[in-house]
N, C-alpha and C. Protein backbone atom coordinates (compact mmCIF):
# COMPACT_ATOMS: atom_id res chain seq x y z
N MET A 1 -38.99 -60.64 60.10
CA MET A 1 -38.33 -61.92 60.05
C MET A 1 -36.95 -61.70 59.46
N THR A 2 -35.96 -62.27 60.04
CA THR A 2 -34.60 -62.13 59.53
C THR A 2 -34.01 -63.51 59.28
N ILE A 3 -33.10 -63.57 58.33
CA ILE A 3 -32.38 -64.81 58.05
C ILE A 3 -30.89 -64.53 58.14
N ALA A 4 -30.15 -65.52 58.53
CA ALA A 4 -28.69 -65.35 58.62
C ALA A 4 -28.07 -66.00 57.39
N LEU A 5 -27.24 -65.25 56.68
CA LEU A 5 -26.53 -65.78 55.53
C LEU A 5 -25.27 -66.49 55.99
N GLU A 6 -24.53 -67.06 55.06
CA GLU A 6 -23.34 -67.83 55.41
C GLU A 6 -22.33 -67.01 56.21
N HIS A 7 -22.20 -65.73 55.92
CA HIS A 7 -21.22 -64.92 56.66
C HIS A 7 -21.86 -64.25 57.86
N HIS A 8 -22.98 -64.77 58.30
CA HIS A 8 -23.66 -64.38 59.54
C HIS A 8 -24.08 -62.92 59.58
N THR A 9 -24.43 -62.37 58.44
CA THR A 9 -24.96 -61.01 58.39
C THR A 9 -26.48 -61.09 58.38
N PRO A 10 -27.17 -60.54 59.37
CA PRO A 10 -28.63 -60.61 59.36
C PRO A 10 -29.20 -59.74 58.23
N GLN A 11 -30.11 -60.31 57.49
CA GLN A 11 -30.76 -59.60 56.39
C GLN A 11 -32.28 -59.70 56.59
N ALA A 12 -32.99 -58.68 56.23
CA ALA A 12 -34.45 -58.71 56.31
C ALA A 12 -34.98 -59.51 55.13
N PHE A 13 -35.92 -60.36 55.39
CA PHE A 13 -36.54 -61.15 54.34
C PHE A 13 -37.66 -60.32 53.71
N VAL A 14 -37.62 -60.18 52.39
CA VAL A 14 -38.63 -59.39 51.69
C VAL A 14 -39.40 -60.31 50.76
N ASP A 15 -40.69 -60.37 50.95
CA ASP A 15 -41.55 -61.17 50.08
C ASP A 15 -42.07 -60.24 48.98
N PRO A 16 -41.63 -60.44 47.71
CA PRO A 16 -42.07 -59.53 46.65
C PRO A 16 -43.56 -59.67 46.32
N TYR A 17 -44.19 -60.76 46.76
CA TYR A 17 -45.60 -60.97 46.46
C TYR A 17 -46.52 -60.60 47.62
N ALA A 18 -45.94 -60.20 48.72
CA ALA A 18 -46.75 -59.81 49.86
C ALA A 18 -47.48 -58.50 49.56
N ALA A 19 -48.68 -58.39 50.07
CA ALA A 19 -49.46 -57.18 49.85
C ALA A 19 -49.90 -56.63 51.19
N ASP A 20 -49.90 -55.34 51.28
CA ASP A 20 -50.38 -54.69 52.49
C ASP A 20 -51.91 -54.75 52.48
N PRO A 21 -52.53 -55.38 53.49
CA PRO A 21 -54.00 -55.49 53.48
C PRO A 21 -54.70 -54.13 53.39
N ALA A 22 -54.09 -53.11 53.94
CA ALA A 22 -54.72 -51.79 53.88
C ALA A 22 -54.75 -51.26 52.45
N GLU A 23 -53.76 -51.63 51.64
CA GLU A 23 -53.72 -51.15 50.26
C GLU A 23 -54.65 -51.92 49.33
N THR A 24 -54.92 -53.19 49.65
CA THR A 24 -55.72 -54.01 48.75
C THR A 24 -57.19 -54.09 49.15
N ALA A 25 -57.56 -53.49 50.26
CA ALA A 25 -58.95 -53.55 50.70
C ALA A 25 -59.84 -52.66 49.83
N TRP A 26 -61.06 -53.10 49.59
CA TRP A 26 -62.03 -52.30 48.84
C TRP A 26 -62.45 -51.11 49.68
N PRO A 27 -62.65 -49.98 49.07
CA PRO A 27 -63.13 -48.84 49.85
C PRO A 27 -64.57 -49.12 50.31
N PRO A 28 -64.94 -48.64 51.48
CA PRO A 28 -66.30 -48.88 51.95
C PRO A 28 -67.32 -48.14 51.09
N ALA A 29 -68.48 -48.76 50.95
CA ALA A 29 -69.57 -48.15 50.17
C ALA A 29 -70.12 -46.96 50.93
N ALA A 30 -70.59 -45.99 50.20
CA ALA A 30 -71.19 -44.81 50.82
C ALA A 30 -72.45 -45.22 51.56
N ALA A 31 -72.69 -44.60 52.67
CA ALA A 31 -73.85 -44.94 53.50
C ALA A 31 -75.14 -44.68 52.73
N GLY A 32 -76.04 -45.64 52.75
CA GLY A 32 -77.34 -45.48 52.12
C GLY A 32 -77.32 -45.65 50.61
N GLN A 33 -76.18 -46.02 50.04
CA GLN A 33 -76.09 -46.16 48.59
C GLN A 33 -76.23 -47.64 48.24
N ASP A 34 -77.23 -47.96 47.46
CA ASP A 34 -77.45 -49.34 47.03
C ASP A 34 -76.55 -49.60 45.83
N MET A 35 -75.69 -50.61 45.92
CA MET A 35 -74.71 -50.87 44.87
C MET A 35 -75.25 -51.80 43.79
N ASP A 36 -76.46 -52.32 43.95
CA ASP A 36 -77.03 -53.24 42.96
C ASP A 36 -77.87 -52.45 41.97
N HIS A 37 -77.49 -52.48 40.69
CA HIS A 37 -78.23 -51.77 39.66
C HIS A 37 -78.65 -52.79 38.60
N LEU A 38 -79.93 -53.03 38.48
CA LEU A 38 -80.44 -53.95 37.48
C LEU A 38 -80.63 -53.24 36.16
N LEU A 39 -80.39 -53.95 35.08
CA LEU A 39 -80.61 -53.38 33.76
C LEU A 39 -82.10 -53.36 33.45
N PRO A 40 -82.55 -52.35 32.73
CA PRO A 40 -83.97 -52.33 32.37
C PRO A 40 -84.25 -53.41 31.33
N PRO A 41 -85.49 -53.89 31.27
CA PRO A 41 -85.81 -54.89 30.25
C PRO A 41 -85.65 -54.31 28.86
N PRO A 42 -85.35 -55.15 27.87
CA PRO A 42 -85.17 -54.63 26.51
C PRO A 42 -86.46 -54.06 25.95
N ASN A 43 -86.31 -53.05 25.14
CA ASN A 43 -87.45 -52.41 24.50
C ASN A 43 -87.57 -52.98 23.08
N PRO A 44 -88.63 -53.74 22.78
CA PRO A 44 -88.75 -54.35 21.45
C PRO A 44 -88.71 -53.35 20.30
N SER A 45 -89.14 -52.13 20.54
CA SER A 45 -89.15 -51.15 19.45
C SER A 45 -87.73 -50.68 19.11
N GLU A 46 -86.75 -50.94 19.98
CA GLU A 46 -85.38 -50.51 19.74
C GLU A 46 -84.53 -51.63 19.12
N ARG A 47 -85.11 -52.76 18.85
CA ARG A 47 -84.36 -53.86 18.25
C ARG A 47 -83.97 -53.53 16.82
N LEU A 48 -82.83 -54.03 16.42
CA LEU A 48 -82.38 -53.84 15.05
C LEU A 48 -83.14 -54.79 14.14
N SER A 49 -83.45 -54.34 12.96
CA SER A 49 -84.21 -55.16 12.03
C SER A 49 -83.26 -55.85 11.04
N ILE A 50 -82.26 -56.52 11.58
CA ILE A 50 -81.29 -57.22 10.75
C ILE A 50 -81.59 -58.71 10.83
N LEU A 51 -81.73 -59.33 9.69
CA LEU A 51 -81.98 -60.76 9.65
C LEU A 51 -80.65 -61.50 9.55
N ILE A 52 -80.58 -62.62 10.24
CA ILE A 52 -79.38 -63.46 10.19
C ILE A 52 -79.60 -64.51 9.11
N ASP A 53 -78.59 -64.71 8.30
CA ASP A 53 -78.63 -65.72 7.26
C ASP A 53 -78.90 -67.09 7.89
N PRO A 54 -79.75 -67.91 7.29
CA PRO A 54 -80.04 -69.23 7.86
C PRO A 54 -78.79 -70.07 8.10
N ARG A 55 -77.81 -69.96 7.21
CA ARG A 55 -76.56 -70.72 7.41
C ARG A 55 -75.86 -70.28 8.69
N ASP A 56 -75.86 -68.97 8.97
CA ASP A 56 -75.26 -68.47 10.21
C ASP A 56 -76.07 -68.91 11.43
N GLN A 57 -77.40 -68.93 11.29
CA GLN A 57 -78.24 -69.42 12.38
C GLN A 57 -77.93 -70.89 12.67
N HIS A 58 -77.77 -71.69 11.62
CA HIS A 58 -77.44 -73.11 11.79
C HIS A 58 -76.08 -73.26 12.47
N ARG A 59 -75.13 -72.43 12.07
CA ARG A 59 -73.78 -72.49 12.65
C ARG A 59 -73.82 -72.17 14.14
N LEU A 60 -74.53 -71.12 14.51
CA LEU A 60 -74.65 -70.76 15.92
C LEU A 60 -75.37 -71.84 16.72
N ALA A 61 -76.44 -72.38 16.15
CA ALA A 61 -77.19 -73.44 16.83
C ALA A 61 -76.33 -74.69 17.00
N LEU A 62 -75.52 -75.02 15.99
CA LEU A 62 -74.66 -76.19 16.08
C LEU A 62 -73.58 -75.99 17.15
N HIS A 63 -72.99 -74.82 17.19
CA HIS A 63 -72.00 -74.52 18.24
C HIS A 63 -72.64 -74.67 19.62
N ALA A 64 -73.84 -74.12 19.80
CA ALA A 64 -74.52 -74.19 21.09
C ALA A 64 -74.86 -75.63 21.45
N ALA A 65 -75.37 -76.41 20.48
CA ALA A 65 -75.75 -77.80 20.74
C ALA A 65 -74.53 -78.65 21.08
N LEU A 66 -73.45 -78.46 20.35
CA LEU A 66 -72.23 -79.22 20.63
C LEU A 66 -71.68 -78.89 22.01
N THR A 67 -71.66 -77.62 22.35
CA THR A 67 -71.14 -77.19 23.65
C THR A 67 -72.02 -77.73 24.77
N ALA A 68 -73.35 -77.66 24.59
CA ALA A 68 -74.26 -78.18 25.61
C ALA A 68 -74.12 -79.68 25.78
N ALA A 69 -73.75 -80.39 24.72
CA ALA A 69 -73.57 -81.84 24.78
C ALA A 69 -72.20 -82.20 25.34
N GLY A 70 -71.38 -81.21 25.68
CA GLY A 70 -70.06 -81.48 26.23
C GLY A 70 -68.99 -81.71 25.18
N ILE A 71 -69.25 -81.25 23.96
CA ILE A 71 -68.31 -81.41 22.84
C ILE A 71 -68.00 -80.03 22.29
N PRO A 72 -67.18 -79.24 22.98
CA PRO A 72 -66.91 -77.90 22.45
C PRO A 72 -66.15 -77.97 21.14
N PRO A 73 -66.60 -77.25 20.13
CA PRO A 73 -65.91 -77.26 18.83
C PRO A 73 -64.50 -76.70 18.94
N ARG A 74 -63.61 -77.29 18.19
CA ARG A 74 -62.22 -76.82 18.12
C ARG A 74 -62.03 -76.01 16.85
N PRO A 75 -60.99 -75.20 16.80
CA PRO A 75 -60.75 -74.40 15.59
C PRO A 75 -60.62 -75.26 14.33
N GLU A 76 -60.05 -76.45 14.45
CA GLU A 76 -59.89 -77.30 13.27
C GLU A 76 -61.21 -77.91 12.80
N ASP A 77 -62.28 -77.74 13.57
CA ASP A 77 -63.61 -78.24 13.19
C ASP A 77 -64.38 -77.26 12.31
N ARG A 78 -63.78 -76.14 12.02
CA ARG A 78 -64.48 -75.07 11.31
C ARG A 78 -65.02 -75.52 9.95
N ASP A 79 -64.22 -76.25 9.16
CA ASP A 79 -64.68 -76.69 7.85
C ASP A 79 -65.89 -77.62 7.97
N ALA A 80 -65.84 -78.54 8.91
CA ALA A 80 -66.96 -79.47 9.11
C ALA A 80 -68.21 -78.71 9.54
N ILE A 81 -68.05 -77.75 10.42
CA ILE A 81 -69.20 -76.97 10.89
C ILE A 81 -69.77 -76.14 9.74
N ASP A 82 -68.91 -75.58 8.91
CA ASP A 82 -69.40 -74.82 7.75
C ASP A 82 -70.19 -75.71 6.80
N GLN A 83 -69.70 -76.92 6.55
CA GLN A 83 -70.41 -77.85 5.66
C GLN A 83 -71.74 -78.29 6.27
N LEU A 84 -71.74 -78.58 7.56
CA LEU A 84 -72.99 -78.99 8.22
C LEU A 84 -73.99 -77.84 8.28
N SER A 85 -73.51 -76.62 8.41
CA SER A 85 -74.40 -75.46 8.48
C SER A 85 -75.09 -75.19 7.16
N ALA A 86 -74.54 -75.69 6.06
CA ALA A 86 -75.13 -75.47 4.73
C ALA A 86 -76.29 -76.43 4.46
N LEU A 87 -76.47 -77.44 5.31
CA LEU A 87 -77.55 -78.41 5.10
C LEU A 87 -78.91 -77.76 5.38
N PRO A 88 -79.99 -78.35 4.86
CA PRO A 88 -81.33 -77.78 5.09
C PRO A 88 -81.71 -77.73 6.57
N SER A 89 -82.67 -76.89 6.88
CA SER A 89 -83.10 -76.69 8.27
C SER A 89 -83.61 -77.97 8.92
N SER A 90 -84.30 -78.82 8.17
CA SER A 90 -84.84 -80.05 8.76
C SER A 90 -83.70 -80.96 9.24
N ILE A 91 -82.61 -81.01 8.50
CA ILE A 91 -81.47 -81.83 8.91
C ILE A 91 -80.80 -81.21 10.13
N ASN A 92 -80.68 -79.90 10.16
CA ASN A 92 -80.09 -79.23 11.31
C ASN A 92 -80.93 -79.44 12.56
N THR A 93 -82.25 -79.40 12.43
CA THR A 93 -83.13 -79.63 13.57
C THR A 93 -82.96 -81.04 14.10
N THR A 94 -82.88 -82.01 13.22
CA THR A 94 -82.69 -83.41 13.63
C THR A 94 -81.34 -83.59 14.32
N ARG A 95 -80.31 -83.01 13.76
CA ARG A 95 -78.98 -83.13 14.35
C ARG A 95 -78.95 -82.51 15.75
N GLN A 96 -79.60 -81.37 15.92
CA GLN A 96 -79.65 -80.74 17.24
C GLN A 96 -80.43 -81.61 18.23
N ARG A 97 -81.50 -82.24 17.76
CA ARG A 97 -82.27 -83.13 18.63
C ARG A 97 -81.41 -84.31 19.08
N TRP A 98 -80.62 -84.86 18.16
CA TRP A 98 -79.73 -85.97 18.50
C TRP A 98 -78.71 -85.53 19.56
N LEU A 99 -78.13 -84.35 19.34
CA LEU A 99 -77.13 -83.87 20.30
C LEU A 99 -77.75 -83.56 21.65
N LEU A 100 -78.98 -83.08 21.64
CA LEU A 100 -79.67 -82.77 22.89
C LEU A 100 -79.87 -84.03 23.72
N HIS A 101 -80.16 -85.15 23.05
CA HIS A 101 -80.41 -86.41 23.78
C HIS A 101 -79.12 -87.08 24.22
N THR A 102 -77.96 -86.66 23.71
CA THR A 102 -76.70 -87.26 24.15
C THR A 102 -76.21 -86.61 25.44
N ALA A 103 -76.71 -85.41 25.72
CA ALA A 103 -76.22 -84.70 26.92
C ALA A 103 -76.84 -85.24 28.19
């Protein structure tokens, strides 16, 4: 494709974002090679024996419940989430139940 400039000199139009389809195509898979590799199931004996602090468990559960309810926590909500995570487990369970029913 060519364009004519004001002084009538033909110039080739170059699209800097154009890509050669031959360069961007994926290479073909090797014949007979299955490209799907499933991960093996986890081995319970290889699990780490690290316990999570209940406050951290409450914090993670609150983040998950808020996100599932369509209320993703913002960075400025951190203090409120920390305070709510310090409450007893029964209050956290009730709060999660409330959020579950709002979704």
